[in-house]
Protein backbone atom coordinates (compact mmCIF):
# COMPACT_ATOMS: atom_id res chain seq x y z
CA UNK A 1 0.00 0.00 0.00
CA UNK A 2 1.23 3.50 -0.83
CA UNK A 3 2.28 5.85 1.94
CA UNK A 4 -0.32 8.50 2.80
CA UNK A 5 1.61 11.77 2.68
CA UNK A 6 -1.63 13.79 2.90
CA UNK A 7 -2.78 12.17 6.20
CA UNK A 8 -6.47 11.93 5.44
CA UNK A 9 -7.09 10.52 8.92
CA UNK A 10 -5.92 13.74 10.55
CA UNK A 11 -7.83 15.90 8.06
CA UNK A 12 -11.04 13.96 8.75
CA UNK A 13 -10.59 14.25 12.50
CA UNK A 14 -10.00 18.01 12.22
CA UNK A 15 -13.09 18.37 10.03
CA UNK A 16 -15.27 16.58 12.58
CA UNK A 17 -13.84 18.68 15.42
CA UNK A 18 -14.81 21.77 13.41
CA UNK A 19 -18.44 20.61 13.73
CA UNK A 20 -18.12 20.89 17.52
CA UNK A 21 -16.36 24.27 17.18
CA UNK A 22 -19.13 25.63 14.92
CA UNK A 23 -21.94 24.42 17.18
CA UNK A 24 -20.33 25.87 20.31
CA UNK A 25 -19.57 29.14 18.48
CA UNK A 26 -23.25 29.53 17.59
CA UNK A 27 -24.27 28.82 21.20
CA UNK A 28 -21.70 31.37 22.43
CA UNK A 29 -23.06 34.00 20.01
CA UNK A 30 -26.68 33.55 21.15
CA UNK A 31 -26.02 32.71 24.81
CA UNK A 32 -28.35 29.69 24.79
CA UNK A 33 -28.92 26.34 23.16
CA UNK A 34 -31.60 26.16 20.46
CA UNK A 35 -34.67 24.00 21.06
CA UNK A 36 -34.04 20.86 23.12
CA UNK A 37 -30.38 20.59 22.12
CA UNK A 38 -27.85 19.90 24.86
CA UNK A 39 -24.38 18.41 24.80
CA UNK A 40 -22.36 15.80 26.63
CA UNK A 41 -18.67 16.46 26.02
CA UNK A 42 -16.07 13.97 27.23
CA UNK A 43 -12.46 15.11 27.38
CA UNK A 44 -9.12 14.00 28.78
CA UNK A 45 -8.35 16.01 31.91
CA UNK A 46 -4.59 15.50 31.54
CA UNK A 47 -4.36 16.52 27.89
CA UNK A 48 -2.09 19.44 26.99
CA UNK A 49 -3.88 22.79 27.34
CA UNK A 50 -6.74 21.54 29.56
CA UNK A 51 -7.27 23.86 32.53
CA UNK A 52 -9.56 22.76 35.34
CA UNK A 53 -9.43 23.26 39.10
CA UNK A 54 -7.26 20.99 41.24
CA UNK A 55 -10.45 19.74 42.89
CA UNK A 56 -11.90 18.55 39.56
CA UNK A 57 -8.52 17.20 38.42
CA UNK A 58 -8.21 15.07 41.58
CA UNK A 59 -11.80 13.86 41.22
CA UNK A 60 -11.41 13.09 37.49
CA UNK A 61 -7.71 12.32 36.95
CA UNK A 62 -8.12 10.83 33.46
CA UNK A 63 -11.29 12.09 31.82
CA UNK A 64 -14.61 13.69 32.58
CA UNK A 65 -17.88 14.36 30.83
CA UNK A 66 -19.57 17.73 31.13
CA UNK A 67 -23.17 18.50 30.27
CA UNK A 68 -23.95 21.80 28.61
CA UNK A 69 -27.65 22.45 28.97
CA UNK A 70 -29.33 24.99 31.24
CA UNK A 71 -26.61 26.27 33.55
CA UNK A 72 -23.50 27.61 31.84
CA UNK A 73 -21.90 31.02 31.40
CA UNK A 74 -19.04 32.84 29.71
CA UNK A 75 -18.77 30.39 26.82
CA UNK A 76 -15.88 31.55 24.63
CA UNK A 77 -14.75 29.66 21.55
CA UNK A 78 -11.45 30.07 19.69
CA UNK A 79 -9.95 28.13 16.81
CA UNK A 80 -8.26 25.64 19.14
CA UNK A 81 -10.28 25.55 22.40
CA UNK A 82 -13.34 26.64 24.32
CA UNK A 83 -13.79 28.14 27.79
CA UNK A 84 -16.95 27.68 29.81
CA UNK A 85 -18.29 28.33 33.28
CA UNK A 86 -20.21 25.44 34.88
CA UNK A 87 -21.46 24.61 38.34
CA UNK A 88 -20.39 21.39 40.08
CA UNK A 89 -22.26 20.69 43.34
CA UNK A 90 -23.17 24.39 43.56
CA UNK A 91 -19.51 25.41 43.09
CA UNK A 92 -18.81 27.56 40.03
CA UNK A 93 -15.84 26.41 37.94
CA UNK A 94 -14.16 27.72 34.82
CA UNK A 95 -12.93 25.08 32.38
CA UNK A 96 -10.63 25.51 29.37
CA UNK A 97 -10.83 22.58 26.96
CA UNK A 98 -8.81 22.31 23.74
CA UNK A 99 -10.73 20.64 20.92
CA UNK A 100 -7.86 18.13 20.60
CA UNK A 101 -8.60 16.90 24.15
CA UNK A 102 -12.20 15.95 23.32
CA UNK A 103 -12.93 12.20 23.18
CA UNK A 104 -16.65 12.45 22.60
CA UNK A 105 -19.48 14.82 21.73
CA UNK A 106 -23.10 13.75 22.07
CA UNK A 107 -26.35 15.65 21.51
CA UNK A 108 -29.10 13.31 22.80
CA UNK A 109 -31.92 15.51 21.48
CA UNK A 110 -31.10 14.36 17.93
CA UNK A 111 -29.02 11.25 18.74
CA UNK A 112 -25.87 12.71 17.18
CA UNK A 113 -22.50 11.50 18.40
CA UNK A 114 -18.85 11.91 17.49
CA UNK A 115 -16.07 9.93 19.14
CA UNK A 116 -12.34 10.50 18.85
CA UNK A 117 -9.43 8.33 19.92
CA UNK A 118 -7.21 10.84 21.72
CA UNK A 119 -3.70 10.17 23.06
CA UNK A 120 -3.69 10.54 26.86
CA UNK A 121 -0.56 12.66 27.05
CA UNK A 122 2.72 13.65 25.49
CA UNK A 123 4.51 10.65 27.02
CA UNK A 124 2.50 8.22 24.87
CA UNK A 125 4.46 6.12 22.42
CA UNK A 126 4.69 7.73 19.00
CA UNK A 127 2.60 5.15 17.14
CA UNK A 128 -0.14 5.43 19.76
CA UNK A 129 -0.17 9.22 19.33
CA UNK A 130 -0.60 8.79 15.57
CA UNK A 131 -3.81 6.80 16.03
CA UNK A 132 -6.96 8.64 15.08
CA UNK A 133 -10.13 6.59 15.08
CA UNK A 134 -13.34 8.47 14.41
CA UNK A 135 -16.82 7.17 15.05
CA UNK A 136 -19.94 9.00 13.98
CA UNK A 137 -23.33 7.33 14.30
CA UNK A 138 -26.92 7.96 15.35
CA UNK A 139 -28.11 6.30 18.54
CA UNK A 140 -31.37 4.43 18.96
CA UNK A 141 -32.19 5.88 22.38
CA UNK A 142 -30.88 8.96 24.18
CA UNK A 143 -29.79 8.62 27.82
CA UNK A 144 -32.11 9.99 30.48
CA UNK A 145 -31.00 13.24 32.13
CA UNK A 146 -32.25 15.57 34.83
CA UNK A 147 -31.25 18.76 33.04
CA UNK A 148 -28.52 19.75 35.50
CA UNK A 149 -24.85 20.23 34.78
CA UNK A 150 -23.02 17.06 35.73
CA UNK A 151 -19.73 15.30 35.28
CA UNK A 152 -18.86 11.64 35.09
CA UNK A 153 -15.48 10.02 35.31
CA UNK A 154 -15.88 7.45 32.56
CA UNK A 155 -17.77 6.92 29.35
CA UNK A 156 -17.46 3.16 29.20
CA UNK A 157 -21.17 2.67 28.54
CA UNK A 158 -22.01 0.58 25.51
CA UNK A 159 -23.45 2.61 22.65
CA UNK A 160 -26.50 1.00 21.04
CA UNK A 161 -26.58 0.43 17.28
CA UNK A 162 -24.75 2.45 14.67
CA UNK A 163 -21.97 2.19 12.15
CA UNK A 164 -18.31 2.63 12.98
CA UNK A 165 -16.02 4.35 10.53
CA UNK A 166 -12.45 3.14 11.08
CA UNK A 167 -9.56 4.87 9.41
CA UNK A 168 -6.93 2.18 10.15
CA UNK A 169 -6.38 1.38 6.49
CA UNK A 170 -5.59 5.04 5.77
CA UNK A 171 -3.01 5.48 8.52
CA UNK A 172 0.67 6.07 7.87
CA UNK A 173 2.60 2.82 8.22
CA UNK A 174 6.00 2.98 9.97
């Protein structure tokens, strides 16, 4: 197989992350989510550029999932990251999350989900850091929620149904 000098896997991952960037930019511009839309965003807490309080970092040392629905403030979106204010157990927190740290984005109101395989840190082996698996599929049933901002430490739940798009065959071979 020929060597992929273009790196279509990285281009596809960047394109899908731009979907998240565009959606959050529109929410930041209006100050609210349209209709019944709300987002579950899972990210690696130890990824480069992530800024969260020491309290949240100790509680979620690897990854956490935030819910953007009714209670959020000061959402700012740049080309590479977003900042948001959320409340955790009645304690206001400011989070800075680079788009490259996001492992998953889910909007249960329309069963839309994107998943990314993100390297945990800079000390990962080089071939692990080059991996970029992208999954985009509709879900049969949205998870139940109480409408409050929440965080969870893992996203190991099985996702019902869907098609997985794997880019293994397009990856650069060493």
